[in-house]
Amino acid sequence: TNGDLEKIRSIGHTEDRFDTKTIDITYGSNEGAAGMQGAIDRLCERAEAAVAGGYNIIILSDRQVGPDRIAIPVLLATAAVHHHLIRKGLRTAVGLVVESGEPREVHHFCCLAGYGAEAINPYLAFDTLLDMHQRGELPEEVDAYEVVSRYIKSIGKGILKVMSK
C-alpha cells in the first residue's frame, strides 16, 4: 500500500541496518525518445552509487512524471538497474522496490518480479480504486481499506497462479 511504501522509505530513521534511497526514473521531455538511453545510463549509475554509499533498499519511482517529465518504462528501468548491479557484483547487497503508475494487471506484477523487483507499489491503481469507491461505483458495504486489501489479495493470488504454472 502507499502507507507501507512510506514505512519502507523512512526505515532508515528507525532501523540502523537499513537505509533507503529513492531514485527518479523520469527524464526531461525536451530530450525526447533519443534521451532515453542516456537516462537509463544515468539511472544505473545512480543505483550503483547508492549501493556504494551504503543504501540497501532502492525505490525506483516514476511519481515525477508530468508534462515536462517522461518516465522510463518501469519494466525497462527495473531490468536495467537489476542487470547493471549484477554485472557490478552488487545486486545481492540491495533490494529493489518499484513505485509506479504502470502496473495494474497480474501480468505486469509478474514481469516486474521476474526482472528483479522485490516489492511493487502500484499507486495509480490504488488511487483509481479509491476514486471509484468515493464516487459510489463499488459496493457500499466495502470500505476504502477493504477495496485496496482485496486488490492486493487478488494480485497476490494471480501471481501465485502464474508461478504454479
C-alpha atoms as a PDB file:
ATOM      1  CA  THR A   1       0.000   0.000   0.000  1.00  0.00           C
ATOM      2  CA  ASN A   2       1.034   3.630  -0.163  1.00  0.00           C
ATOM      3  CA  GLY A   3       1.396   3.639   3.623  1.00  0.00           C
ATOM      4  CA  ASP A   4       3.621   0.570   3.554  1.00  0.00           C
ATOM      5  CA  LEU A   5       5.844   2.197   0.939  1.00  0.00           C
ATOM      6  CA  GLU A   6       6.263   5.259   3.154  1.00  0.00           C
ATOM      7  CA  LYS A   7       7.318   2.957   6.002  1.00  0.00           C
ATOM      8  CA  ILE A   8       9.958   1.434   3.728  1.00  0.00           C
ATOM      9  CA  ARG A   9      11.046   4.888   2.560  1.00  0.00           C
ATOM     10  CA  SER A  10      11.565   6.062   6.144  1.00  0.00           C
ATOM     11  CA  ILE A  11      13.008   2.830   7.572  1.00  0.00           C
ATOM     12  CA  GLY A  12      16.488   4.381   7.844  1.00  0.00           C
ATOM     13  CA  HIS A  13      15.190   6.746  10.509  1.00  0.00           C
ATOM     14  CA  THR A  14      14.195   3.895  12.822  1.00  0.00           C
ATOM     15  CA  GLU A  15      16.427   0.970  11.856  1.00  0.00           C
ATOM     16  CA  ASP A  16      20.220   1.180  11.752  1.00  0.00           C
ATOM     17  CA  ARG A  17      20.746  -1.767   9.412  1.00  0.00           C
ATOM     18  CA  PHE A  18      18.608  -0.450   6.559  1.00  0.00           C
ATOM     19  CA  ASP A  19      18.729   2.753   4.550  1.00  0.00           C
ATOM     20  CA  THR A  20      16.519   3.649   1.617  1.00  0.00           C
ATOM     21  CA  LYS A  21      17.263   5.724  -1.477  1.00  0.00           C
ATOM     22  CA  THR A  22      14.514   6.825  -3.882  1.00  0.00           C
ATOM     23  CA  ILE A  23      15.689   7.206  -7.464  1.00  0.00           C
ATOM     24  CA  ASP A  24      13.571   9.064 -10.007  1.00  0.00           C
ATOM     25  CA  ILE A  25      13.112   7.108 -13.249  1.00  0.00           C
ATOM     26  CA  THR A  26      11.870  10.088 -15.255  1.00  0.00           C
ATOM     27  CA  TYR A  27      13.812  12.429 -17.519  1.00  0.00           C
ATOM     28  CA  GLY A  28      13.176  15.734 -19.256  1.00  0.00           C
ATOM     29  CA  SER A  29      10.637  15.672 -22.073  1.00  0.00           C
ATOM     30  CA  ASN A  30      12.852  18.073 -24.032  1.00  0.00           C
ATOM     31  CA  GLU A  31      15.260  15.134 -24.538  1.00  0.00           C
ATOM     32  CA  GLY A  32      12.559  13.140 -26.344  1.00  0.00           C
ATOM     33  CA  ALA A  33      12.848   9.456 -27.196  1.00  0.00           C
ATOM     34  CA  ALA A  34      16.513   9.889 -28.102  1.00  0.00           C
ATOM     35  CA  GLY A  35      17.269  10.841 -24.496  1.00  0.00           C
ATOM     36  CA  MET A  36      16.065   7.549 -23.037  1.00  0.00           C
ATOM     37  CA  GLN A  37      19.385   5.721 -23.426  1.00  0.00           C
ATOM     38  CA  GLY A  38      21.217   8.466 -21.557  1.00  0.00           C
ATOM     39  CA  ALA A  39      18.519   8.475 -18.874  1.00  0.00           C
ATOM     40  CA  ILE A  40      18.897   4.704 -18.421  1.00  0.00           C
ATOM     41  CA  ASP A  41      22.672   5.052 -18.151  1.00  0.00           C
ATOM     42  CA  ARG A  42      22.304   7.802 -15.525  1.00  0.00           C
ATOM     43  CA  LEU A  43      19.746   5.678 -13.650  1.00  0.00           C
ATOM     44  CA  CYS A  44      22.152   2.735 -13.484  1.00  0.00           C
ATOM     45  CA  GLU A  45      24.996   4.985 -12.337  1.00  0.00           C
ATOM     46  CA  ARG A  46      22.809   6.483  -9.580  1.00  0.00           C
ATOM     47  CA  ALA A  47      21.774   2.998  -8.428  1.00  0.00           C
ATOM     48  CA  GLU A  48      25.402   1.861  -8.320  1.00  0.00           C
ATOM     49  CA  ALA A  49      26.385   4.998  -6.401  1.00  0.00           C
ATOM     50  CA  ALA A  50      23.529   4.418  -3.943  1.00  0.00           C
ATOM     51  CA  VAL A  51      24.743   0.893  -3.174  1.00  0.00           C
ATOM     52  CA  ALA A  52      28.315   2.142  -2.854  1.00  0.00           C
ATOM     53  CA  GLY A  53      27.015   4.828  -0.493  1.00  0.00           C
ATOM     54  CA  GLY A  54      25.584   2.243   1.879  1.00  0.00           C
ATOM     55  CA  TYR A  55      21.947   2.221   0.792  1.00  0.00           C
ATOM     56  CA  ASN A  56      20.467  -1.283   0.802  1.00  0.00           C
ATOM     57  CA  ILE A  57      16.942  -0.512  -0.417  1.00  0.00           C
ATOM     58  CA  ILE A  58      16.429   1.350  -3.688  1.00  0.00           C
ATOM     59  CA  ILE A  59      12.996   2.655  -4.659  1.00  0.00           C
ATOM     60  CA  LEU A  60      12.602   3.236  -8.392  1.00  0.00           C
ATOM     61  CA  SER A  61       9.884   5.877  -8.681  1.00  0.00           C
ATOM     62  CA  ASP A  62       8.017   7.462 -11.582  1.00  0.00           C
ATOM     63  CA  ARG A  63       5.974   9.823  -9.372  1.00  0.00           C
ATOM     64  CA  GLN A  64       7.620  12.866 -11.002  1.00  0.00           C
ATOM     65  CA  VAL A  65       6.054  12.092 -14.392  1.00  0.00           C
ATOM     66  CA  GLY A  66       4.251  15.067 -15.908  1.00  0.00           C
ATOM     67  CA  PRO A  67       4.102  17.378 -18.915  1.00  0.00           C
ATOM     68  CA  ASP A  68       7.823  18.115 -18.637  1.00  0.00           C
ATOM     69  CA  ARG A  69       8.977  14.680 -17.404  1.00  0.00           C
ATOM     70  CA  ILE A  70       8.848  11.357 -19.312  1.00  0.00           C
ATOM     71  CA  ALA A  71       9.012   8.090 -17.380  1.00  0.00           C
ATOM     72  CA  ILE A  72      11.327   5.331 -18.472  1.00  0.00           C
ATOM     73  CA  PRO A  73       9.020   2.288 -18.788  1.00  0.00           C
ATOM     74  CA  VAL A  74       9.148   0.719 -15.335  1.00  0.00           C
ATOM     75  CA  LEU A  75       9.964  -2.782 -16.570  1.00  0.00           C
ATOM     76  CA  LEU A  76      12.873  -1.425 -18.608  1.00  0.00           C
ATOM     77  CA  ALA A  77      14.140   0.664 -15.684  1.00  0.00           C
ATOM     78  CA  THR A  78      13.886  -2.252 -13.247  1.00  0.00           C
ATOM     79  CA  ALA A  79      15.620  -4.663 -15.623  1.00  0.00           C
ATOM     80  CA  ALA A  80      18.362  -2.152 -16.429  1.00  0.00           C
ATOM     81  CA  VAL A  81      19.161  -1.494 -12.768  1.00  0.00           C
ATOM     82  CA  HIS A  82      18.883  -5.196 -11.852  1.00  0.00           C
ATOM     83  CA  HIS A  83      21.290  -6.344 -14.571  1.00  0.00           C
ATOM     84  CA  HIS A  84      23.669  -3.420 -14.101  1.00  0.00           C
ATOM     85  CA  LEU A  85      24.026  -4.251 -10.406  1.00  0.00           C
ATOM     86  CA  ILE A  86      24.528  -7.954 -11.249  1.00  0.00           C
ATOM     87  CA  ARG A  87      27.345  -7.042 -13.659  1.00  0.00           C
ATOM     88  CA  LYS A  88      28.959  -4.911 -10.944  1.00  0.00           C
ATOM     89  CA  GLY A  89      28.577  -7.676  -8.319  1.00  0.00           C
ATOM     90  CA  LEU A  90      26.322  -5.502  -6.150  1.00  0.00           C
ATOM     91  CA  ARG A  91      22.860  -6.961  -6.682  1.00  0.00           C
ATOM     92  CA  THR A  92      22.777  -9.119  -3.559  1.00  0.00           C
ATOM     93  CA  ALA A  93      23.552  -6.062  -1.414  1.00  0.00           C
ATOM     94  CA  VAL A  94      20.339  -4.208  -2.294  1.00  0.00           C
ATOM     95  CA  GLY A  95      16.590  -4.709  -2.562  1.00  0.00           C
ATOM     96  CA  LEU A  96      14.646  -3.123  -5.413  1.00  0.00           C
ATOM     97  CA  VAL A  97      11.231  -1.600  -4.757  1.00  0.00           C
ATOM     98  CA  VAL A  98       9.123  -0.197  -7.586  1.00  0.00           C
ATOM     99  CA  GLU A  99       6.776   2.774  -7.141  1.00  0.00           C
ATOM    100  CA  SER A 100       4.917   3.202 -10.402  1.00  0.00           C
ATOM    101  CA  GLY A 101       1.629   4.082 -12.004  1.00  0.00           C
ATOM    102  CA  GLU A 102       2.143   1.481 -14.739  1.00  0.00           C
ATOM    103  CA  PRO A 103       1.422  -1.889 -13.087  1.00  0.00           C
ATOM    104  CA  ARG A 104      -2.265  -2.729 -12.996  1.00  0.00           C
ATOM    105  CA  GLU A 105      -2.685  -6.356 -14.013  1.00  0.00           C
ATOM    106  CA  VAL A 106      -1.238  -9.604 -12.692  1.00  0.00           C
ATOM    107  CA  HIS A 107       0.975  -9.910 -15.772  1.00  0.00           C
ATOM    108  CA  HIS A 108       2.607  -6.538 -15.005  1.00  0.00           C
ATOM    109  CA  PHE A 109       3.435  -7.616 -11.449  1.00  0.00           C
ATOM    110  CA  CYS A 110       4.809 -10.977 -12.577  1.00  0.00           C
ATOM    111  CA  CYS A 111       7.072  -9.368 -15.169  1.00  0.00           C
ATOM    112  CA  LEU A 112       8.384  -6.846 -12.654  1.00  0.00           C
ATOM    113  CA  ALA A 113       9.067  -9.610 -10.136  1.00  0.00           C
ATOM    114  CA  GLY A 114      10.817 -11.627 -12.836  1.00  0.00           C
ATOM    115  CA  TYR A 115      13.033  -8.661 -13.639  1.00  0.00           C
ATOM    116  CA  GLY A 116      14.154  -8.086 -10.072  1.00  0.00           C
ATOM    117  CA  ALA A 117      11.503  -6.116  -8.151  1.00  0.00           C
ATOM    118  CA  GLU A 118      11.032  -7.397  -4.609  1.00  0.00           C
ATOM    119  CA  ALA A 119       8.117  -5.077  -3.828  1.00  0.00           C
ATOM    120  CA  ILE A 120       5.756  -3.092  -6.050  1.00  0.00           C
ATOM    121  CA  ASN A 121       3.606  -0.090  -5.179  1.00  0.00           C
ATOM    122  CA  PRO A 122       1.001   0.495  -7.933  1.00  0.00           C
ATOM    123  CA  TYR A 123      -0.043   3.913  -6.638  1.00  0.00           C
ATOM    124  CA  LEU A 124      -2.185   4.785  -9.663  1.00  0.00           C
ATOM    125  CA  ALA A 125      -4.200   1.556  -9.359  1.00  0.00           C
ATOM    126  CA  PHE A 126      -4.808   2.317  -5.678  1.00  0.00           C
ATOM    127  CA  ASP A 127      -5.808   5.910  -6.435  1.00  0.00           C
ATOM    128  CA  THR A 128      -8.162   4.739  -9.184  1.00  0.00           C
ATOM    129  CA  LEU A 129      -9.852   2.206  -6.927  1.00  0.00           C
ATOM    130  CA  LEU A 130     -10.219   4.727  -4.114  1.00  0.00           C
ATOM    131  CA  ASP A 131     -11.688   7.277  -6.533  1.00  0.00           C
ATOM    132  CA  MET A 132     -14.174   4.687  -7.800  1.00  0.00           C
ATOM    133  CA  HIS A 133     -15.109   3.895  -4.205  1.00  0.00           C
ATOM    134  CA  GLN A 134     -15.581   7.565  -3.369  1.00  0.00           C
ATOM    135  CA  ARG A 135     -17.861   8.070  -6.397  1.00  0.00           C
ATOM    136  CA  GLY A 136     -20.001   5.096  -5.341  1.00  0.00           C
ATOM    137  CA  GLU A 137     -19.051   2.840  -8.241  1.00  0.00           C
ATOM    138  CA  LEU A 138     -18.168  -0.033  -5.917  1.00  0.00           C
ATOM    139  CA  PRO A 139     -20.485  -1.855  -3.470  1.00  0.00           C
ATOM    140  CA  GLU A 140     -21.391   0.260  -0.444  1.00  0.00           C
ATOM    141  CA  GLU A 141     -20.602  -2.493   2.070  1.00  0.00           C
ATOM    142  CA  VAL A 142     -16.928  -2.404   1.052  1.00  0.00           C
ATOM    143  CA  ASP A 143     -14.932   0.389   2.701  1.00  0.00           C
ATOM    144  CA  ALA A 144     -11.848   2.064   1.210  1.00  0.00           C
ATOM    145  CA  TYR A 145      -9.413  -0.095   3.191  1.00  0.00           C
ATOM    146  CA  GLU A 146     -11.171  -3.261   2.020  1.00  0.00           C
ATOM    147  CA  VAL A 147     -11.060  -2.128  -1.631  1.00  0.00           C
ATOM    148  CA  VAL A 148      -7.262  -1.844  -1.516  1.00  0.00           C
ATOM    149  CA  SER A 149      -6.919  -5.073   0.502  1.00  0.00           C
ATOM    150  CA  ARG A 150      -8.995  -7.036  -1.999  1.00  0.00           C
ATOM    151  CA  TYR A 151      -6.967  -5.679  -4.906  1.00  0.00           C
ATOM    152  CA  ILE A 152      -3.697  -6.680  -3.221  1.00  0.00           C
ATOM    153  CA  LYS A 153      -5.096 -10.108  -2.390  1.00  0.00           C
ATOM    154  CA  SER A 154      -6.297 -10.692  -5.963  1.00  0.00           C
ATOM    155  CA  ILE A 155      -2.923  -9.653  -7.395  1.00  0.00           C
ATOM    156  CA  GLY A 156      -1.174 -11.970  -4.918  1.00  0.00           C
ATOM    157  CA  LYS A 157      -3.395 -14.907  -5.885  1.00  0.00           C
ATOM    158  CA  GLY A 158      -2.794 -14.164  -9.558  1.00  0.00           C
ATOM    159  CA  ILE A 159       0.961 -14.163  -9.053  1.00  0.00           C
ATOM    160  CA  LEU A 160       0.765 -17.495  -7.241  1.00  0.00           C
ATOM    161  CA  LYS A 161      -1.292 -18.948 -10.072  1.00  0.00           C
ATOM    162  CA  VAL A 162       1.276 -17.828 -12.649  1.00  0.00           C
ATOM    163  CA  MET A 163       4.124 -19.204 -10.516  1.00  0.00           C
ATOM    164  CA  SER A 164       2.365 -22.568 -10.214  1.00  0.00           C
ATOM    165  CA  LYS A 165       2.394 -22.985 -13.979  1.00  0.00           C
END
